């Protein structure tokens, strides 16, 4: 069984709320499947057809209809959860949502409606076994986003989308704040803003650059300092503290 070894830096664009006003380079690619799990290295993605090469279409071509999948019961749901955490680093909240969605899609053969509380209990059991680790997920997600030049507000939004609880989010806030300048400079370097720019540009351009940094989640005061900074071969983080 794999343990949650963290967030990869190269995958699906987050519906996590990256505004359309940002270009493709501003969007974090962290390997989500359609349920929000982060793809583990080396895993295979088969797409929504459920099998390699779209088995549904092949069956239709042969004049056969695929049988409807059997409704889930507790044992099948647990196997589904185990397969999921084996392939994806995720959180309890996302695992719960994934399992609930599968129950809605396939139906439940567990008896009463009360059994629908099982996904949350199952997600907690995966956490107790060490297969799901919300804090480790959050730490690595924050570091990956900040390396890409995204600020604390964007990280906080990603935490909310992933179901990270307030306690874990608050405990990571100091480390995120410590990387704020480094992250803002990384964004400025990618966009050739301030110390990484040419020094040309009028007020309208500077306002546009400031807006871009704000959309990337950076503090207004920090973004303004960076936008106003003259070109430099080696800008120092301490200059913007």
C-alpha atoms as a PDB file:
ATOM      1  CA  UNK A   1       0.000   0.000   0.000  1.00  0.00           C
ATOM      2  CA  UNK A   2       1.290   3.441  -0.901  1.00  0.00           C
ATOM      3  CA  UNK A   3       1.377   6.172   1.659  1.00  0.00           C
ATOM      4  CA  UNK A   4       0.458   9.723   0.809  1.00  0.00           C
ATOM      5  CA  UNK A   5       3.712  10.826  -0.687  1.00  0.00           C
ATOM      6  CA  UNK A   6       2.449  14.183  -1.593  1.00  0.00           C
ATOM      7  CA  UNK A   7       1.443  16.403  -4.402  1.00  0.00           C
ATOM      8  CA  UNK A   8       3.034  16.170  -7.780  1.00  0.00           C
ATOM      9  CA  UNK A   9       3.659  19.393  -9.664  1.00  0.00           C
ATOM     10  CA  UNK A  10       2.372  18.370 -13.026  1.00  0.00           C
ATOM     11  CA  UNK A  11      -1.239  17.555 -13.577  1.00  0.00           C
ATOM     12  CA  UNK A  12      -4.829  18.775 -14.031  1.00  0.00           C
ATOM     13  CA  UNK A  13      -5.881  22.374 -13.787  1.00  0.00           C
ATOM     14  CA  UNK A  14      -7.649  22.927 -10.572  1.00  0.00           C
ATOM     15  CA  UNK A  15     -11.244  23.712 -10.629  1.00  0.00           C
ATOM     16  CA  UNK A  16      -9.912  24.897  -7.261  1.00  0.00           C
ATOM     17  CA  UNK A  17     -10.783  28.123  -8.339  1.00  0.00           C
ATOM     18  CA  UNK A  18      -8.097  29.489 -10.511  1.00  0.00           C
ATOM     19  CA  UNK A  19      -9.797  32.420 -12.193  1.00  0.00           C
ATOM     20  CA  UNK A  20     -10.106  32.442 -15.953  1.00  0.00           C
ATOM     21  CA  UNK A  21      -8.389  35.830 -15.951  1.00  0.00           C
ATOM     22  CA  UNK A  22      -5.111  34.051 -15.312  1.00  0.00           C
ATOM     23  CA  UNK A  23      -3.298  32.583 -18.265  1.00  0.00           C
ATOM     24  CA  UNK A  24      -2.409  28.908 -18.510  1.00  0.00           C
ATOM     25  CA  UNK A  25       0.985  29.473 -16.907  1.00  0.00           C
ATOM     26  CA  UNK A  26      -0.680  30.724 -13.740  1.00  0.00           C
ATOM     27  CA  UNK A  27      -2.775  27.630 -13.224  1.00  0.00           C
ATOM     28  CA  UNK A  28      -1.447  24.973 -10.954  1.00  0.00           C
ATOM     29  CA  UNK A  29      -1.258  21.523 -12.468  1.00  0.00           C
ATOM     30  CA  UNK A  30      -1.420  19.006  -9.665  1.00  0.00           C
ATOM     31  CA  UNK A  31      -2.735  15.803 -11.185  1.00  0.00           C
ATOM     32  CA  UNK A  32      -6.334  15.524 -10.167  1.00  0.00           C
ATOM     33  CA  UNK A  33      -8.706  12.977 -11.413  1.00  0.00           C
ATOM     34  CA  UNK A  34     -12.349  13.939 -11.846  1.00  0.00           C
ATOM     35  CA  UNK A  35     -12.962  13.517  -8.133  1.00  0.00           C
ATOM     36  CA  UNK A  36     -10.149  15.724  -6.924  1.00  0.00           C
ATOM     37  CA  UNK A  37      -7.490  13.211  -5.873  1.00  0.00           C
ATOM     38  CA  UNK A  38      -3.867  13.925  -6.688  1.00  0.00           C
ATOM     39  CA  UNK A  39      -2.391  11.424  -9.123  1.00  0.00           C
ATOM     40  CA  UNK A  40       0.459   9.404  -7.662  1.00  0.00           C
ATOM     41  CA  UNK A  41       3.601   9.026  -9.715  1.00  0.00           C
ATOM     42  CA  UNK A  42       3.511   5.993 -11.953  1.00  0.00           C
ATOM     43  CA  UNK A  43      -0.277   5.534 -11.826  1.00  0.00           C
ATOM     44  CA  UNK A  44      -2.296   4.935 -14.991  1.00  0.00           C
ATOM     45  CA  UNK A  45      -5.228   7.042 -16.009  1.00  0.00           C
ATOM     46  CA  UNK A  46      -7.856   5.258 -18.048  1.00  0.00           C
ATOM     47  CA  UNK A  47     -10.300   8.099 -18.612  1.00  0.00           C
ATOM     48  CA  UNK A  48     -14.014   8.155 -18.014  1.00  0.00           C
ATOM     49  CA  UNK A  49     -14.805   5.189 -20.251  1.00  0.00           C
ATOM     50  CA  UNK A  50     -13.750   2.936 -17.388  1.00  0.00           C
ATOM     51  CA  UNK A  51     -11.250   0.973 -19.457  1.00  0.00           C
ATOM     52  CA  UNK A  52      -8.316   1.386 -21.796  1.00  0.00           C
ATOM     53  CA  UNK A  53      -9.357   2.716 -25.179  1.00  0.00           C
ATOM     54  CA  UNK A  54     -13.026   3.367 -24.312  1.00  0.00           C
ATOM     55  CA  UNK A  55     -14.561  -0.065 -23.804  1.00  0.00           C
ATOM     56  CA  UNK A  56     -18.067   1.367 -23.850  1.00  0.00           C
ATOM     57  CA  UNK A  57     -17.785   2.402 -27.478  1.00  0.00           C
ATOM     58  CA  UNK A  58     -16.320  -0.966 -28.538  1.00  0.00           C
ATOM     59  CA  UNK A  59     -19.229  -2.786 -26.934  1.00  0.00           C
ATOM     60  CA  UNK A  60     -21.716  -0.655 -28.846  1.00  0.00           C
ATOM     61  CA  UNK A  61     -19.926  -1.361 -32.111  1.00  0.00           C
ATOM     62  CA  UNK A  62     -20.331  -5.063 -31.446  1.00  0.00           C
ATOM     63  CA  UNK A  63     -24.046  -4.646 -30.882  1.00  0.00           C
ATOM     64  CA  UNK A  64     -23.859  -5.421 -27.161  1.00  0.00           C
ATOM     65  CA  UNK A  65     -24.870  -3.280 -24.231  1.00  0.00           C
ATOM     66  CA  UNK A  66     -22.714  -3.279 -21.152  1.00  0.00           C
ATOM     67  CA  UNK A  67     -24.508  -4.570 -18.069  1.00  0.00           C
ATOM     68  CA  UNK A  68     -25.282  -1.967 -15.441  1.00  0.00           C
ATOM     69  CA  UNK A  69     -22.725  -2.007 -12.607  1.00  0.00           C
ATOM     70  CA  UNK A  70     -23.861  -3.682  -9.430  1.00  0.00           C
ATOM     71  CA  UNK A  71     -24.924  -1.433  -6.547  1.00  0.00           C
ATOM     72  CA  UNK A  72     -22.237  -0.949  -3.946  1.00  0.00           C
ATOM     73  CA  UNK A  73     -22.223  -2.525  -0.528  1.00  0.00           C
ATOM     74  CA  UNK A  74     -19.863  -1.977   2.408  1.00  0.00           C
ATOM     75  CA  UNK A  75     -17.239  -4.444   1.160  1.00  0.00           C
ATOM     76  CA  UNK A  76     -17.213  -3.051  -2.383  1.00  0.00           C
ATOM     77  CA  UNK A  77     -17.019   0.498  -1.059  1.00  0.00           C
ATOM     78  CA  UNK A  78     -14.005  -0.370   1.077  1.00  0.00           C
ATOM     79  CA  UNK A  79     -12.244  -1.944  -1.904  1.00  0.00           C
ATOM     80  CA  UNK A  80     -12.983   1.168  -3.936  1.00  0.00           C
ATOM     81  CA  UNK A  81     -11.522   3.367  -1.189  1.00  0.00           C
ATOM     82  CA  UNK A  82      -8.383   1.231  -0.967  1.00  0.00           C
ATOM     83  CA  UNK A  83      -7.822   1.392  -4.726  1.00  0.00           C
ATOM     84  CA  UNK A  84      -8.315   5.139  -4.663  1.00  0.00           C
ATOM     85  CA  UNK A  85      -5.822   5.893  -1.878  1.00  0.00           C
ATOM     86  CA  UNK A  86      -3.364   3.505  -3.532  1.00  0.00           C
ATOM     87  CA  UNK A  87      -3.392   5.634  -6.685  1.00  0.00           C
ATOM     88  CA  UNK A  88      -3.929   9.131  -5.304  1.00  0.00           C
ATOM     89  CA  UNK A  89      -2.729  11.306  -2.449  1.00  0.00           C
ATOM     90  CA  UNK A  90      -5.928  12.834  -1.117  1.00  0.00           C
ATOM     91  CA  UNK A  91      -7.730  14.099   1.961  1.00  0.00           C
ATOM     92  CA  UNK A  92     -10.505  12.680   4.088  1.00  0.00           C
ATOM     93  CA  UNK A  93     -12.939  15.222   2.671  1.00  0.00           C
ATOM     94  CA  UNK A  94     -12.117  14.405  -0.927  1.00  0.00           C
ATOM     95  CA  UNK A  95     -12.193  10.677  -0.340  1.00  0.00           C
ATOM     96  CA  UNK A  96     -15.606  11.028   1.301  1.00  0.00           C
ATOM     97  CA  UNK A  97     -16.915  13.080  -1.628  1.00  0.00           C
ATOM     98  CA  UNK A  98     -15.565  10.545  -4.115  1.00  0.00           C
ATOM     99  CA  UNK A  99     -17.214   7.607  -2.360  1.00  0.00           C
ATOM    100  CA  UNK A 100     -20.507   9.456  -1.992  1.00  0.00           C
ATOM    101  CA  UNK A 101     -20.482  10.251  -5.698  1.00  0.00           C
ATOM    102  CA  UNK A 102     -19.893   6.596  -6.552  1.00  0.00           C
ATOM    103  CA  UNK A 103     -22.837   5.605  -4.348  1.00  0.00           C
ATOM    104  CA  UNK A 104     -25.045   8.115  -6.148  1.00  0.00           C
ATOM    105  CA  UNK A 105     -23.902   6.779  -9.517  1.00  0.00           C
ATOM    106  CA  UNK A 106     -24.196   3.068  -8.774  1.00  0.00           C
ATOM    107  CA  UNK A 107     -26.725   2.864  -5.987  1.00  0.00           C
ATOM    108  CA  UNK A 108     -26.434   1.312  -2.536  1.00  0.00           C
ATOM    109  CA  UNK A 109     -27.106  -2.258  -1.574  1.00  0.00           C
ATOM    110  CA  UNK A 110     -26.387  -1.764   2.103  1.00  0.00           C
ATOM    111  CA  UNK A 111     -29.943  -1.796   3.346  1.00  0.00           C
ATOM    112  CA  UNK A 112     -31.003   1.494   4.882  1.00  0.00           C
ATOM    113  CA  UNK A 113     -30.323   5.109   3.967  1.00  0.00           C
ATOM    114  CA  UNK A 114     -28.410   5.433   7.229  1.00  0.00           C
ATOM    115  CA  UNK A 115     -25.636   3.406   5.633  1.00  0.00           C
ATOM    116  CA  UNK A 116     -24.807   6.447   3.484  1.00  0.00           C
ATOM    117  CA  UNK A 117     -22.862   7.801   6.467  1.00  0.00           C
ATOM    118  CA  UNK A 118     -20.325   5.026   5.811  1.00  0.00           C
ATOM    119  CA  UNK A 119     -18.071   7.013   3.400  1.00  0.00           C
ATOM    120  CA  UNK A 120     -17.026   9.505   6.085  1.00  0.00           C
ATOM    121  CA  UNK A 121     -16.324   6.689   8.536  1.00  0.00           C
ATOM    122  CA  UNK A 122     -14.386   4.818   5.883  1.00  0.00           C
ATOM    123  CA  UNK A 123     -12.324   7.913   5.026  1.00  0.00           C
ATOM    124  CA  UNK A 124     -11.481   8.319   8.713  1.00  0.00           C
ATOM    125  CA  UNK A 125     -10.446   4.661   8.875  1.00  0.00           C
ATOM    126  CA  UNK A 126      -8.085   5.227   5.920  1.00  0.00           C
ATOM    127  CA  UNK A 127      -6.603   8.174   7.838  1.00  0.00           C
ATOM    128  CA  UNK A 128      -6.211   6.084  11.011  1.00  0.00           C
ATOM    129  CA  UNK A 129      -4.312   3.493   8.975  1.00  0.00           C
ATOM    130  CA  UNK A 130      -2.009   6.167   7.557  1.00  0.00           C
ATOM    131  CA  UNK A 131      -3.261   5.913   3.981  1.00  0.00           C
ATOM    132  CA  UNK A 132      -4.693   9.432   4.099  1.00  0.00           C
ATOM    133  CA  UNK A 133      -2.822  12.310   5.747  1.00  0.00           C
ATOM    134  CA  UNK A 134      -4.521  15.692   5.459  1.00  0.00           C
ATOM    135  CA  UNK A 135      -1.665  17.648   7.003  1.00  0.00           C
ATOM    136  CA  UNK A 136       1.010  16.107   4.773  1.00  0.00           C
ATOM    137  CA  UNK A 137      -1.205  16.726   1.749  1.00  0.00           C
ATOM    138  CA  UNK A 138      -1.651  20.364   2.782  1.00  0.00           C
ATOM    139  CA  UNK A 139       2.060  20.905   3.442  1.00  0.00           C
ATOM    140  CA  UNK A 140       3.067  19.608   0.052  1.00  0.00           C
ATOM    141  CA  UNK A 141       0.235  21.353  -1.761  1.00  0.00           C
ATOM    142  CA  UNK A 142       1.231  24.695  -0.210  1.00  0.00           C
ATOM    143  CA  UNK A 143       4.909  24.235  -1.069  1.00  0.00           C
ATOM    144  CA  UNK A 144       4.093  23.271  -4.671  1.00  0.00           C
ATOM    145  CA  UNK A 145       1.785  26.244  -5.171  1.00  0.00           C
ATOM    146  CA  UNK A 146       4.246  28.702  -3.683  1.00  0.00           C
ATOM    147  CA  UNK A 147       7.067  27.403  -5.836  1.00  0.00           C
ATOM    148  CA  UNK A 148       4.855  28.275  -8.784  1.00  0.00           C
ATOM    149  CA  UNK A 149       4.492  31.817  -7.513  1.00  0.00           C
ATOM    150  CA  UNK A 150       1.032  31.613  -5.971  1.00  0.00           C
ATOM    151  CA  UNK A 151       0.331  33.481  -2.774  1.00  0.00           C
ATOM    152  CA  UNK A 152      -1.262  32.724   0.579  1.00  0.00           C
ATOM    153  CA  UNK A 153      -4.825  33.541  -0.482  1.00  0.00           C
ATOM    154  CA  UNK A 154      -4.664  31.088  -3.335  1.00  0.00           C
ATOM    155  CA  UNK A 155      -3.196  28.450  -1.022  1.00  0.00           C
ATOM    156  CA  UNK A 156      -6.015  29.058   1.471  1.00  0.00           C
ATOM    157  CA  UNK A 157      -8.555  28.581  -1.314  1.00  0.00           C
ATOM    158  CA  UNK A 158      -6.941  25.290  -2.309  1.00  0.00           C
ATOM    159  CA  UNK A 159      -7.100  24.142   1.319  1.00  0.00           C
ATOM    160  CA  UNK A 160     -10.817  24.901   1.501  1.00  0.00           C
ATOM    161  CA  UNK A 161     -11.460  23.063  -1.766  1.00  0.00           C
ATOM    162  CA  UNK A 162      -9.526  20.031  -0.500  1.00  0.00           C
ATOM    163  CA  UNK A 163     -11.413  19.972   2.807  1.00  0.00           C
ATOM    164  CA  UNK A 164      -8.384  20.760   4.994  1.00  0.00           C
ATOM    165  CA  UNK A 165      -9.666  21.597   8.467  1.00  0.00           C
ATOM    166  CA  UNK A 166      -8.977  24.932  10.141  1.00  0.00           C
ATOM    167  CA  UNK A 167      -6.579  23.460  12.678  1.00  0.00           C
ATOM    168  CA  UNK A 168      -4.229  22.079  10.036  1.00  0.00           C
ATOM    169  CA  UNK A 169      -4.526  25.230   7.946  1.00  0.00           C
ATOM    170  CA  UNK A 170      -3.683  27.465  10.898  1.00  0.00           C
ATOM    171  CA  UNK A 171      -0.714  25.336  11.911  1.00  0.00           C
ATOM    172  CA  UNK A 172       0.767  25.722   8.401  1.00  0.00           C
ATOM    173  CA  UNK A 173       0.099  29.461   8.156  1.00  0.00           C
ATOM    174  CA  UNK A 174       3.491  30.557   9.604  1.00  0.00           C
ATOM    175  CA  UNK A 175       5.459  28.481   7.078  1.00  0.00           C
ATOM    176  CA  UNK A 176       3.313  29.833   4.242  1.00  0.00           C
ATOM    177  CA  UNK A 177       3.902  33.397   5.470  1.00  0.00           C
ATOM    178  CA  UNK A 178       7.654  32.778   5.668  1.00  0.00           C
ATOM    179  CA  UNK A 179       7.664  31.921   1.952  1.00  0.00           C
ATOM    180  CA  UNK A 180       5.478  34.873   0.921  1.00  0.00           C
ATOM    181  CA  UNK A 181       8.263  37.051  -0.510  1.00  0.00           C
ATOM    182  CA  UNK A 182       9.981  34.151  -2.238  1.00  0.00           C
ATOM    183  CA  UNK A 183       6.684  33.121  -3.821  1.00  0.00           C
ATOM    184  CA  UNK A 184       5.855  36.665  -4.950  1.00  0.00           C
ATOM    185  CA  UNK A 185       9.297  37.037  -6.530  1.00  0.00           C
ATOM    186  CA  UNK A 186       8.848  33.724  -8.319  1.00  0.00           C
ATOM    187  CA  UNK A 187       5.648  35.057  -9.847  1.00  0.00           C
ATOM    188  CA  UNK A 188       7.323  38.356 -10.756  1.00  0.00           C
ATOM    189  CA  UNK A 189      10.193  36.499 -12.393  1.00  0.00           C
ATOM    190  CA  UNK A 190       7.802  34.458 -14.552  1.00  0.00           C
ATOM    191  CA  UNK A 191       5.885  37.556 -15.591  1.00  0.00           C
ATOM    192  CA  UNK A 192       8.902  39.884 -15.853  1.00  0.00           C
ATOM    193  CA  UNK A 193       7.518  42.288 -13.292  1.00  0.00           C
ATOM    194  CA  UNK A 194       9.433  44.842 -11.213  1.00  0.00           C
ATOM    195  CA  UNK A 195      13.039  43.733 -10.613  1.00  0.00           C
ATOM    196  CA  UNK A 196      12.727  41.218 -13.461  1.00  0.00           C
ATOM    197  CA  UNK A 197      11.274  43.709 -15.921  1.00  0.00           C
ATOM    198  CA  UNK A 198      12.845  46.121 -18.354  1.00  0.00           C
ATOM    199  CA  UNK A 199      12.132  49.238 -16.325  1.00  0.00           C
ATOM    200  CA  UNK A 200       9.874  50.532 -19.062  1.00  0.00           C
ATOM    201  CA  UNK A 201       6.135  50.872 -18.753  1.00  0.00           C
ATOM    202  CA  UNK A 202       3.602  53.434 -17.687  1.00  0.00           C
ATOM    203  CA  UNK A 203       1.124  53.612 -14.858  1.00  0.00           C
ATOM    204  CA  UNK A 204      -1.417  51.544 -16.778  1.00  0.00           C
ATOM    205  CA  UNK A 205       1.076  48.686 -17.163  1.00  0.00           C
ATOM    206  CA  UNK A 206       1.995  48.820 -13.488  1.00  0.00           C
ATOM    207  CA  UNK A 207      -1.671  48.671 -12.503  1.00  0.00           C
ATOM    208  CA  UNK A 208      -2.104  45.631 -14.730  1.00  0.00           C
ATOM    209  CA  UNK A 209       0.915  43.944 -13.145  1.00  0.00           C
ATOM    210  CA  UNK A 210      -0.344  44.753  -9.658  1.00  0.00           C
ATOM    211  CA  UNK A 211      -3.740  43.238 -10.508  1.00  0.00           C
ATOM    212  CA  UNK A 212      -2.036  40.080 -11.801  1.00  0.00           C
ATOM    213  CA  UNK A 213      -0.110  39.685  -8.552  1.00  0.00           C
ATOM    214  CA  UNK A 214      -3.265  40.190  -6.524  1.00  0.00           C
ATOM    215  CA  UNK A 215      -5.099  37.545  -8.555  1.00  0.00           C
ATOM    216  CA  UNK A 216      -2.192  35.201  -7.850  1.00  0.00           C
ATOM    217  CA  UNK A 217      -2.983  35.580  -4.136  1.00  0.00           C
ATOM    218  CA  UNK A 218      -0.244  37.963  -2.955  1.00  0.00           C
ATOM    219  CA  UNK A 219      -0.641  40.707  -0.368  1.00  0.00           C
ATOM    220  CA  UNK A 220      -1.298  44.176  -1.758  1.00  0.00           C
ATOM    221  CA  UNK A 221       1.610  45.845   0.053  1.00  0.00           C
ATOM    222  CA  UNK A 222       4.090  43.197  -1.081  1.00  0.00           C
ATOM    223  CA  UNK A 223       2.812  43.205  -4.653  1.00  0.00           C
ATOM    224  CA  UNK A 224       3.046  47.002  -4.825  1.00  0.00           C
ATOM    225  CA  UNK A 225       6.668  46.989  -3.630  1.00  0.00           C
ATOM    226  CA  UNK A 226       7.657  44.416  -6.212  1.00  0.00           C
ATOM    227  CA  UNK A 227       5.857  46.149  -9.091  1.00  0.00           C
ATOM    228  CA  UNK A 228       7.551  49.460  -8.184  1.00  0.00           C
ATOM    229  CA  UNK A 229      11.044  47.942  -7.824  1.00  0.00           C
ATOM    230  CA  UNK A 230      13.647  48.901 -10.462  1.00  0.00           C
ATOM    231  CA  UNK A 231      15.300  46.202 -12.580  1.00  0.00           C
ATOM    232  CA  UNK A 232      17.933  44.200 -10.707  1.00  0.00           C
ATOM    233  CA  UNK A 233      20.229  41.341 -11.635  1.00  0.00           C
ATOM    234  CA  UNK A 234      19.843  39.737  -8.226  1.00  0.00           C
ATOM    235  CA  UNK A 235      16.895  41.050  -6.191  1.00  0.00           C
ATOM    236  CA  UNK A 236      17.119  40.152  -2.521  1.00  0.00           C
ATOM    237  CA  UNK A 237      14.116  38.871  -0.639  1.00  0.00           C
ATOM    238  CA  UNK A 238      15.007  41.076   2.324  1.00  0.00           C
ATOM    239  CA  UNK A 239      14.417  44.147   0.154  1.00  0.00           C
ATOM    240  CA  UNK A 240      10.686  43.362   0.166  1.00  0.00           C
ATOM    241  CA  UNK A 241      10.115  42.227   3.740  1.00  0.00           C
END
